[in-house]
N, C-alpha and C. Protein backbone atom coordinates (compact mmCIF):
# COMPACT_ATOMS: atom_id res chain seq x y z
N UNK A 1 175.58 89.39 17.47
CA UNK A 1 175.38 90.71 17.09
C UNK A 1 175.07 90.88 15.93
N UNK A 2 175.99 90.22 14.89
CA UNK A 2 175.40 90.24 13.53
C UNK A 2 174.08 90.17 13.17
N UNK A 3 173.59 89.02 13.72
CA UNK A 3 172.13 88.91 13.52
C UNK A 3 171.18 89.80 14.08
N UNK A 4 171.51 90.55 15.07
CA UNK A 4 170.61 91.33 15.54
C UNK A 4 170.83 92.79 14.85
N UNK A 5 172.04 93.00 14.30
CA UNK A 5 172.04 94.31 13.34
C UNK A 5 171.38 94.04 11.94
N UNK A 6 171.58 92.62 11.59
CA UNK A 6 170.82 92.44 10.31
C UNK A 6 169.39 92.69 10.30
N UNK A 7 168.91 92.06 11.58
CA UNK A 7 167.57 92.12 11.68
C UNK A 7 166.84 93.62 11.70
N UNK A 8 167.70 94.46 12.52
CA UNK A 8 167.19 95.89 12.89
C UNK A 8 167.32 96.76 11.34
N UNK A 9 168.30 96.34 10.41
CA UNK A 9 168.43 97.29 9.55
C UNK A 9 168.19 96.40 8.21
N UNK A 10 167.48 95.28 8.31
CA UNK A 10 167.23 94.66 7.12
C UNK A 10 168.04 94.41 5.87
N UNK A 11 169.45 93.82 6.37
CA UNK A 11 170.37 93.46 5.43
C UNK A 11 170.96 91.99 5.82
N UNK A 12 171.43 91.53 4.68
CA UNK A 12 172.06 90.18 4.96
C UNK A 12 173.13 90.32 5.78
N UNK A 13 173.46 89.41 6.60
CA UNK A 13 174.76 89.22 7.34
C UNK A 13 176.13 89.19 6.53
N UNK A 14 176.09 88.72 5.38
CA UNK A 14 177.23 88.84 4.37
C UNK A 14 177.21 90.11 3.83
N UNK A 15 176.20 90.95 3.64
CA UNK A 15 176.29 92.25 3.26
C UNK A 15 176.93 93.19 4.47
N UNK A 16 176.52 92.90 5.50
CA UNK A 16 176.90 93.71 6.74
C UNK A 16 178.45 93.69 6.88
N UNK A 17 178.88 92.20 6.60
CA UNK A 17 180.36 91.86 6.83
C UNK A 17 181.13 92.56 5.71
N UNK A 18 180.48 92.45 4.50
CA UNK A 18 181.35 93.04 3.36
C UNK A 18 181.37 94.79 3.37
N UNK A 19 180.41 95.27 3.67
CA UNK A 19 180.35 96.48 3.83
C UNK A 19 180.36 97.43 5.19
N UNK A 20 180.16 96.67 6.15
CA UNK A 20 179.86 97.36 7.39
C UNK A 20 181.16 97.59 8.20
N UNK A 21 181.31 98.62 8.97
CA UNK A 21 182.65 98.76 9.62
C UNK A 21 182.24 99.11 11.15
N UNK A 22 183.19 99.63 11.79
CA UNK A 22 183.13 99.77 13.37
C UNK A 22 182.30 100.89 13.54
N UNK A 23 181.71 101.97 12.71
CA UNK A 23 181.07 103.16 13.02
C UNK A 23 179.62 102.33 12.81
N UNK A 24 179.39 101.67 11.93
CA UNK A 24 178.07 100.66 12.06
C UNK A 24 177.78 100.11 13.39
N UNK A 25 178.76 99.49 13.86
CA UNK A 25 178.48 98.77 15.36
C UNK A 25 178.45 99.92 16.36
N UNK A 26 178.98 100.99 16.11
CA UNK A 26 178.88 102.31 17.29
C UNK A 26 177.33 102.46 17.22
N UNK A 27 176.70 102.83 16.08
CA UNK A 27 175.41 103.54 15.79
C UNK A 27 174.42 102.32 16.29
N UNK A 28 174.67 101.08 16.12
CA UNK A 28 173.71 100.24 16.69
C UNK A 28 173.96 100.12 18.16
N UNK A 29 175.10 100.10 18.78
CA UNK A 29 175.12 100.08 20.13
C UNK A 29 174.45 101.36 20.80
N UNK A 30 174.77 102.56 20.16
CA UNK A 30 174.22 103.74 20.59
C UNK A 30 172.51 103.59 20.65
N UNK A 31 172.13 103.13 19.44
CA UNK A 31 170.65 103.09 19.35
C UNK A 31 169.74 102.12 20.34
N UNK A 32 170.52 100.92 20.66
CA UNK A 32 170.05 100.11 21.54
C UNK A 32 169.99 100.62 23.10
N UNK A 33 171.22 101.19 23.24
CA UNK A 33 171.30 101.66 24.92
C UNK A 33 170.28 102.81 24.84
N UNK A 34 170.10 103.69 23.82
CA UNK A 34 169.20 104.83 23.95
C UNK A 34 167.89 103.96 24.22
N UNK A 35 167.50 103.15 23.38
CA UNK A 35 166.18 102.53 23.61
C UNK A 35 165.94 101.94 25.06
N UNK A 36 166.96 101.50 25.76
CA UNK A 36 166.79 100.98 26.99
C UNK A 36 166.78 101.92 27.92
N UNK A 37 167.26 103.06 27.99
CA UNK A 37 167.27 104.23 28.49
C UNK A 37 165.71 104.62 28.72
N UNK A 38 165.49 104.91 27.25
CA UNK A 38 163.99 105.47 27.29
C UNK A 38 163.09 104.66 28.00
N UNK A 39 163.04 103.08 27.56
CA UNK A 39 162.09 102.15 28.19
C UNK A 39 162.28 102.31 29.97
N UNK A 40 163.32 102.37 30.49
CA UNK A 40 163.49 102.65 31.88
C UNK A 40 162.90 103.73 32.13
N UNK A 41 162.86 104.93 31.55
CA UNK A 41 162.26 106.23 32.09
C UNK A 41 161.02 106.04 31.98
N UNK A 42 160.26 105.47 30.90
CA UNK A 42 158.96 105.56 30.68
C UNK A 42 158.17 104.68 31.75
N UNK A 43 159.03 103.62 32.32
CA UNK A 43 158.52 102.42 33.15
C UNK A 43 159.01 102.92 34.65
N UNK A 44 159.43 104.28 34.55
CA UNK A 44 159.93 104.74 36.00
C UNK A 44 160.72 103.79 36.75
N UNK A 45 161.51 103.17 36.13
CA UNK A 45 162.59 102.24 36.73
C UNK A 45 164.04 102.62 36.70
N UNK A 46 164.71 102.13 37.51
CA UNK A 46 166.28 102.49 37.41
C UNK A 46 166.90 101.56 36.52
N UNK A 47 168.00 101.94 35.84
CA UNK A 47 168.51 100.88 34.99
C UNK A 47 169.24 99.69 35.79
N UNK A 48 169.07 98.61 35.15
CA UNK A 48 169.65 97.42 35.90
C UNK A 48 171.37 97.45 36.04
N UNK A 49 171.94 96.75 36.82
CA UNK A 49 173.20 96.73 36.85
C UNK A 49 173.74 96.17 35.43
N UNK A 50 173.22 95.22 34.97
CA UNK A 50 173.74 94.87 33.45
C UNK A 50 173.68 96.17 32.62
N UNK A 51 172.66 96.75 32.74
CA UNK A 51 172.54 97.81 31.68
C UNK A 51 173.38 98.80 31.97
N UNK A 52 173.86 99.08 33.33
CA UNK A 52 174.75 100.36 33.73
C UNK A 52 176.06 99.84 33.31
N UNK A 53 176.26 98.59 33.41
CA UNK A 53 177.65 98.17 32.96
C UNK A 53 177.99 97.95 31.42
N UNK A 54 176.91 98.31 30.86
CA UNK A 54 177.12 98.65 29.00
C UNK A 54 177.36 99.86 28.72
N UNK A 55 176.94 101.02 29.60
CA UNK A 55 177.39 102.25 29.39
C UNK A 55 178.78 102.68 29.41
N UNK A 56 179.16 103.43 28.77
CA UNK A 56 181.04 103.46 28.62
C UNK A 56 181.06 104.57 29.61
N UNK A 57 181.98 104.50 30.57
CA UNK A 57 182.15 105.66 31.67
C UNK A 57 183.46 106.30 30.90
N UNK A 58 184.13 107.31 31.73
CA UNK A 58 185.17 108.12 31.11
C UNK A 58 186.39 107.25 31.24
N UNK A 59 186.59 106.43 32.08
CA UNK A 59 187.84 105.43 32.00
C UNK A 59 187.63 104.59 30.60
N UNK A 60 186.46 104.00 30.48
CA UNK A 60 186.33 102.99 29.21
C UNK A 60 186.75 103.96 28.01
N UNK A 61 186.17 104.97 27.84
CA UNK A 61 186.18 106.03 26.56
C UNK A 61 187.76 106.41 26.46
N UNK A 62 188.62 106.59 27.76
CA UNK A 62 189.80 106.71 27.58
C UNK A 62 190.70 105.67 27.05
N UNK A 63 190.40 104.42 27.46
CA UNK A 63 190.95 103.30 27.07
C UNK A 63 190.89 103.16 25.84
N UNK A 64 189.48 103.17 25.23
CA UNK A 64 189.27 102.96 23.77
C UNK A 64 190.11 103.99 22.98
N UNK A 65 189.95 105.19 23.42
CA UNK A 65 190.75 106.26 22.62
C UNK A 65 192.24 106.15 22.46
N UNK A 66 192.91 105.62 23.68
CA UNK A 66 194.32 105.13 23.68
C UNK A 66 194.64 104.17 22.67
N UNK A 67 193.84 103.03 22.65
CA UNK A 67 193.96 101.91 21.88
C UNK A 67 193.76 102.39 20.36
N UNK A 68 192.88 103.35 19.87
CA UNK A 68 192.95 103.57 18.71
C UNK A 68 193.75 104.46 18.17
N UNK A 69 194.04 105.61 19.11
CA UNK A 69 194.92 106.85 18.72
C UNK A 69 196.52 106.46 19.31
N UNK A 70 196.55 105.51 20.19
CA UNK A 70 197.94 105.52 20.93
C UNK A 70 197.76 106.55 22.11
N UNK A 71 198.88 106.92 22.56
CA UNK A 71 198.98 107.54 23.81
C UNK A 71 199.07 109.19 23.69
N UNK A 72 198.27 109.79 22.51
CA UNK A 72 198.32 111.10 22.24
C UNK A 72 197.23 112.18 23.24
N UNK A 73 196.37 111.54 23.90
CA UNK A 73 195.71 112.41 24.62
C UNK A 73 196.37 113.16 25.54
N UNK A 74 196.07 114.39 25.73
CA UNK A 74 196.79 115.32 27.02
C UNK A 74 196.01 115.73 27.83
N UNK A 75 194.72 114.91 28.14
CA UNK A 75 193.72 115.46 29.27
C UNK A 75 194.43 115.11 30.66
């Protein structure tokens, strides 16, 4: 993944490791996922099962929130 991010944004992997954070990873993931969705729409194809699994559902987001913030969610 570091190689893909480095190529996409034109930075050395060492610079990415030194300055990058989880926000950078999230932006990369959202950008790549968005491109996959747009590509599928343009070609009038459904998302493959692998692509669907990459998407985050409500359960996955809740799990990530709980890991990050603890059990503070009152939903």
